[in-house]
Protein backbone atom coordinates (compact mmCIF):
# COMPACT_ATOMS: atom_id res chain seq x y z
CA MET A 1 -0.05 -0.09 0.24
CA THR A 2 1.41 3.49 -0.89
CA ALA A 3 1.07 5.97 1.75
CA ILE A 4 -0.84 9.21 1.31
CA ARG A 5 1.87 12.06 1.67
CA LEU A 6 0.36 14.54 3.72
CA LEU A 7 1.86 18.05 4.34
CA LEU A 8 0.42 19.83 7.54
CA VAL A 9 0.09 23.93 7.06
CA ASP A 10 -0.76 25.89 10.39
CA ASP A 11 0.88 28.72 12.05
CA ASP A 12 0.33 27.03 15.66
CA PRO A 13 2.93 24.67 16.50
CA LEU A 14 0.68 22.90 18.76
CA VAL A 15 -1.87 22.27 16.18
CA ARG A 16 0.51 20.86 13.91
CA ALA A 17 1.97 18.53 16.70
CA GLY A 18 -1.30 17.23 17.51
CA LEU A 19 -2.31 16.75 13.63
CA ALA A 20 1.04 15.11 13.41
CA LEU A 21 0.57 12.86 16.34
CA MET A 22 -3.29 12.02 15.14
CA LEU A 23 -2.56 11.57 11.63
CA GLY A 24 0.98 10.36 11.40
CA GLY A 25 0.17 7.14 13.32
CA ALA A 26 -2.13 5.72 10.62
CA ASP A 27 -0.40 2.85 8.48
CA ASP A 28 -1.37 5.01 5.01
CA VAL A 29 -0.40 8.32 6.04
CA GLU A 30 2.97 9.93 5.90
CA ILE A 31 3.63 13.25 7.15
CA VAL A 32 5.94 14.75 4.91
CA GLY A 33 6.50 18.17 5.86
CA GLU A 34 5.08 20.95 8.11
CA ALA A 35 4.75 24.62 7.58
CA ALA A 36 4.10 27.64 9.66
CA ASP A 37 2.70 30.33 7.29
CA GLY A 38 1.27 30.14 3.73
CA ASP A 39 4.55 31.46 2.18
CA GLU A 40 6.34 28.18 2.75
CA VAL A 41 3.73 26.19 1.01
CA GLY A 42 4.93 26.61 -2.54
CA PRO A 43 8.64 25.36 -1.82
CA LEU A 44 7.73 22.76 0.78
CA VAL A 45 5.50 21.23 -2.06
CA ASP A 46 8.23 21.24 -4.31
CA ARG A 47 10.52 19.39 -2.25
CA THR A 48 8.07 17.15 -0.58
CA ARG A 49 5.17 16.42 -3.09
CA PRO A 50 2.34 15.68 -1.09
CA ASP A 51 -0.56 14.20 -2.32
CA VAL A 52 -2.63 16.38 0.31
CA VAL A 53 -2.34 19.49 2.02
CA LEU A 54 -4.03 20.51 5.39
CA MET A 55 -4.14 24.22 5.40
CA ASP A 56 -4.96 26.52 7.83
CA ILE A 57 -7.16 29.63 6.65
CA ARG A 58 -5.71 32.06 9.28
CA MET A 59 -1.84 32.84 9.24
CA PRO A 60 0.00 35.94 9.86
CA VAL A 61 1.97 36.42 6.78
CA VAL A 62 0.18 34.79 3.46
CA ASP A 63 -2.99 33.33 4.84
CA GLY A 64 -4.36 29.73 3.93
CA LEU A 65 -6.65 31.27 1.32
CA THR A 66 -4.15 32.89 -0.84
CA ALA A 67 -1.67 29.78 -0.15
CA THR A 68 -4.49 27.66 -1.69
CA GLU A 69 -5.14 29.97 -4.54
CA ARG A 70 -1.58 29.71 -5.58
CA LEU A 71 -1.20 26.16 -5.36
CA ARG A 72 -4.02 25.12 -7.11
CA ALA A 73 -3.14 27.22 -9.95
CA ARG A 74 -0.02 24.89 -10.59
CA ALA A 75 0.38 22.22 -12.46
CA ASP A 76 -0.06 18.75 -10.78
CA ALA A 77 -1.28 20.29 -7.64
CA PRO A 78 -1.77 18.68 -4.32
CA GLN A 79 -5.20 18.23 -3.07
CA VAL A 80 -6.47 21.12 -0.30
CA VAL A 81 -8.35 20.17 2.71
CA VAL A 82 -9.17 23.67 4.44
CA LEU A 83 -8.81 23.83 8.56
CA THR A 84 -11.24 26.14 10.06
CA THR A 85 -12.73 27.02 13.21
CA PHE A 86 -16.13 28.21 11.37
CA HIS A 87 -18.75 26.03 10.47
CA ALA A 88 -20.40 28.70 7.55
CA ASP A 89 -17.83 31.16 6.73
CA GLU A 90 -17.26 33.09 3.59
CA GLN A 91 -13.56 32.68 3.20
CA VAL A 92 -13.97 28.87 3.29
CA LEU A 93 -16.13 29.34 0.16
CA ARG A 94 -13.29 31.44 -1.30
CA ALA A 95 -11.11 28.38 -0.91
CA LEU A 96 -13.58 26.11 -2.44
CA ARG A 97 -13.67 28.27 -5.24
CA ALA A 98 -10.19 28.34 -5.45
CA GLY A 99 -10.14 24.45 -5.89
CA ALA A 100 -9.60 23.24 -2.17
CA ALA A 101 -11.52 19.93 -2.03
CA GLY A 102 -13.25 20.61 0.77
CA PHE A 103 -12.92 21.48 4.55
CA VAL A 104 -12.80 20.34 8.19
CA LEU A 105 -13.47 21.94 11.33
CA LYS A 106 -10.50 22.02 13.90
CA ASP A 107 -12.23 20.36 16.70
CA THR A 108 -13.26 17.62 14.36
CA PRO A 109 -12.93 14.01 16.12
CA PRO A 110 -9.34 12.73 14.99
CA ALA A 111 -10.70 9.66 12.98
CA GLU A 112 -13.00 12.06 10.94
CA ILE A 113 -10.28 14.12 9.76
CA LEU A 114 -8.13 11.14 8.95
CA ASP A 115 -11.13 9.67 7.01
CA ALA A 116 -11.18 13.27 5.17
CA VAL A 117 -7.74 13.11 4.41
CA ARG A 118 -8.21 9.61 2.66
CA ARG A 119 -11.01 10.54 1.04
CA VAL A 120 -9.71 13.55 -0.59
CA ALA A 121 -6.70 11.61 -1.67
CA ALA A 122 -9.07 9.15 -3.44
CA GLY A 123 -10.66 11.88 -5.18
CA ASP A 124 -13.76 12.81 -3.12
CA PRO A 125 -14.33 16.01 -1.72
CA VAL A 126 -15.06 16.38 1.82
CA LEU A 127 -18.13 18.64 1.76
CA SER A 128 -21.88 17.52 2.34
CA PRO A 129 -24.58 18.79 0.15
CA ALA A 130 -26.34 20.56 3.00
CA VAL A 131 -23.15 22.39 4.13
CA THR A 132 -22.25 23.26 0.32
CA ARG A 133 -25.84 24.94 0.38
CA ARG A 134 -25.36 26.88 3.62
CA LEU A 135 -22.09 28.11 2.37
CA MET A 136 -23.32 29.39 -1.30
CA GLU A 137 -26.30 30.85 0.46
CA ARG A 138 -24.18 32.75 2.99
CA ALA A 139 -21.95 33.85 0.33
CA ALA A 140 -25.15 35.15 -1.72
CA GLY A 141 -24.89 38.55 -0.19
CA ALA A 142 -26.56 41.75 -1.28
CA GLY A 143 -26.08 44.04 -4.25
CA PRO A 144 -25.89 43.16 -7.88
CA ASP A 145 -25.58 39.60 -8.66
CA THR A 146 -23.70 39.13 -11.91
CA ARG A 147 -22.45 35.68 -10.72
CA ARG A 148 -25.62 33.64 -12.00
CA THR A 149 -25.25 35.40 -15.65
CA ARG A 150 -21.88 34.03 -15.94
CA ALA A 151 -22.14 30.76 -14.21
CA ARG A 152 -25.50 30.08 -16.63
CA ALA A 153 -23.02 31.36 -19.35
CA ARG A 154 -20.58 28.85 -18.59
CA ALA A 155 -23.09 25.98 -17.93
CA ASP A 156 -24.54 26.60 -21.37
CA THR A 157 -21.47 25.15 -23.14
CA LEU A 158 -22.46 21.98 -21.70
CA ASN A 159 -24.20 19.14 -23.60
CA ASP A 160 -27.63 17.93 -22.28
CA ARG A 161 -26.23 14.74 -20.97
CA GLU A 162 -23.21 17.00 -19.43
CA ARG A 163 -25.26 19.40 -17.89
CA GLU A 164 -27.73 16.17 -16.11
CA VAL A 165 -24.54 14.91 -14.67
CA ALA A 166 -23.42 18.03 -13.36
CA VAL A 167 -27.00 18.83 -11.81
CA ALA A 168 -26.41 15.32 -10.04
CA VAL A 169 -22.91 16.43 -9.15
CA GLY A 170 -24.20 19.77 -7.59
CA ARG A 171 -27.14 17.39 -5.71
CA GLY A 172 -24.41 15.81 -3.73
CA LEU A 173 -25.20 12.51 -5.75
CA ALA A 174 -22.05 9.85 -5.78
CA ASN A 175 -21.25 8.36 -9.05
CA ALA A 176 -22.92 5.21 -8.45
CA GLU A 177 -26.25 7.12 -7.51
CA ILE A 178 -25.94 9.20 -10.66
CA ALA A 179 -25.57 5.95 -12.90
CA ALA A 180 -28.65 4.56 -11.41
CA HIS A 181 -30.59 7.75 -11.94
CA LEU A 182 -29.66 8.49 -15.55
CA PHE A 183 -29.44 4.89 -16.49
CA MET A 184 -25.79 4.71 -17.47
CA SER A 185 -22.42 2.77 -16.25
CA VAL A 186 -20.15 4.33 -13.47
CA ALA A 187 -17.35 4.55 -15.84
CA THR A 188 -19.44 6.72 -18.47
CA VAL A 189 -20.36 8.91 -15.33
CA LYS A 190 -16.55 9.14 -14.41
CA ALA A 191 -16.18 10.28 -18.18
CA HIS A 192 -18.81 12.80 -18.23
CA VAL A 193 -17.83 14.55 -14.92
CA SER A 194 -14.15 14.47 -16.31
CA ARG A 195 -15.33 16.36 -19.73
CA VAL A 196 -17.38 18.88 -17.79
CA LEU A 197 -14.32 19.73 -15.32
CA ALA A 198 -12.14 20.30 -18.41
CA LYS A 199 -15.00 22.01 -20.52
CA LEU A 200 -15.41 24.49 -17.52
CA GLY A 201 -11.89 24.47 -16.30
CA LEU A 202 -12.73 23.41 -12.64
CA ASN A 203 -10.80 21.58 -10.37
CA ASN A 204 -12.81 19.17 -8.79
CA ARG A 205 -16.38 18.07 -7.84
CA VAL A 206 -17.18 20.72 -5.15
CA GLN A 207 -16.56 23.28 -7.96
CA ILE A 208 -19.10 21.73 -10.21
CA ALA A 209 -21.50 22.12 -7.45
CA LEU A 210 -21.05 25.78 -6.71
CA LEU A 211 -21.23 26.47 -10.34
CA THR A 212 -24.37 24.55 -10.86
CA TYR A 213 -26.10 26.48 -7.84
CA ASP A 214 -24.60 29.64 -9.15
CA ALA A 215 -26.44 28.86 -12.54
CA GLY A 216 -29.52 28.09 -10.71
CA LEU A 217 -29.47 24.66 -11.74
CA LEU A 218 -30.19 23.31 -8.37
CA ASP A 219 -33.38 25.66 -7.49
CA ALA A 220 -35.74 22.88 -8.42
CA PHE A 221 -34.45 20.82 -5.63
CA GLN A 222 -33.74 23.28 -2.79
CA ASP A 223 -37.11 22.67 -1.24
CA ASP A 224 -38.63 19.47 -2.87
CA GLY A 225 -37.75 17.34 -0.09
CA HIS A 226 -35.04 15.63 -1.91
CA ASP A 227 -33.05 12.88 -0.18
CA ASP A 228 -29.65 14.53 0.92
CA PRO A 229 -26.96 11.97 0.56
CA SER A 230 -25.56 13.53 3.62
CA ALA A 231 -28.11 12.78 6.13
CA ARG A 232 -27.74 9.02 5.57
C-alpha cells in the first residue's frame, strides 16, 4: 500500500504537533512536512511532493486562502483540505472556489479528519451537500448579482447529458447514484464528470456543485424534500 503523503500547514505549533500525532500514526499516511505560514507552502510542495495539504485559513504573513489559490493554480497541484474554526464562513467558500477539495473543522474528531484525508486523496470532496448549500447561501450577499449570469453562460457550454451529470453532482449524488438515476454505467458517469471539469476549467466536484448552484440549476431541488445523501 502506498502511503498518502500529507503536508501540514498551521501557524500554531501545538496544532501541527497534534495533527502529526493523530494522523502520522496511521499506516497509510506519511507526514512529509510542516509549514507555519502560507508563504512556505510552495517551496515545501516542490521538495516533498505531497498528495494532500491540510491548510489552516488564518496565518500571519500569507493566509491559507491565498496559499490555496496559488497552489491550485499550479500544474499537478496536490489536493487541499482547509482547516477552519468556522462552520459557515465566506472565507471557506473562497477556498472552495479556488479549488480546495473541502474543509474540516479544527474540533473534528481525529478519526474523521483522517477519513477526510483519505477521501480527498482518493478524489472525493469532503463537503456534504447540506453544508455546500449553507455556504453558498451565505455568500449570496446583497448587491447586484452578476455571478448567476456568468455561471449560466458557462453552463450553456455543456451538452444536455453533461448538464444532467453536473446537476446530479451539484445535488451531492455519488457516481453510483448518478449512474442509477441517469441509466448509465459508473465509468460513463466518470467520463462525463471529467469532461465537465475540463470544459468548465474546474478542479473538482465541489466546484461543479458551486457553479450549478450559481447558475440556478439546483433551484428545483432546494425545497422539494430531495433525499440528501449526507443525512444518511
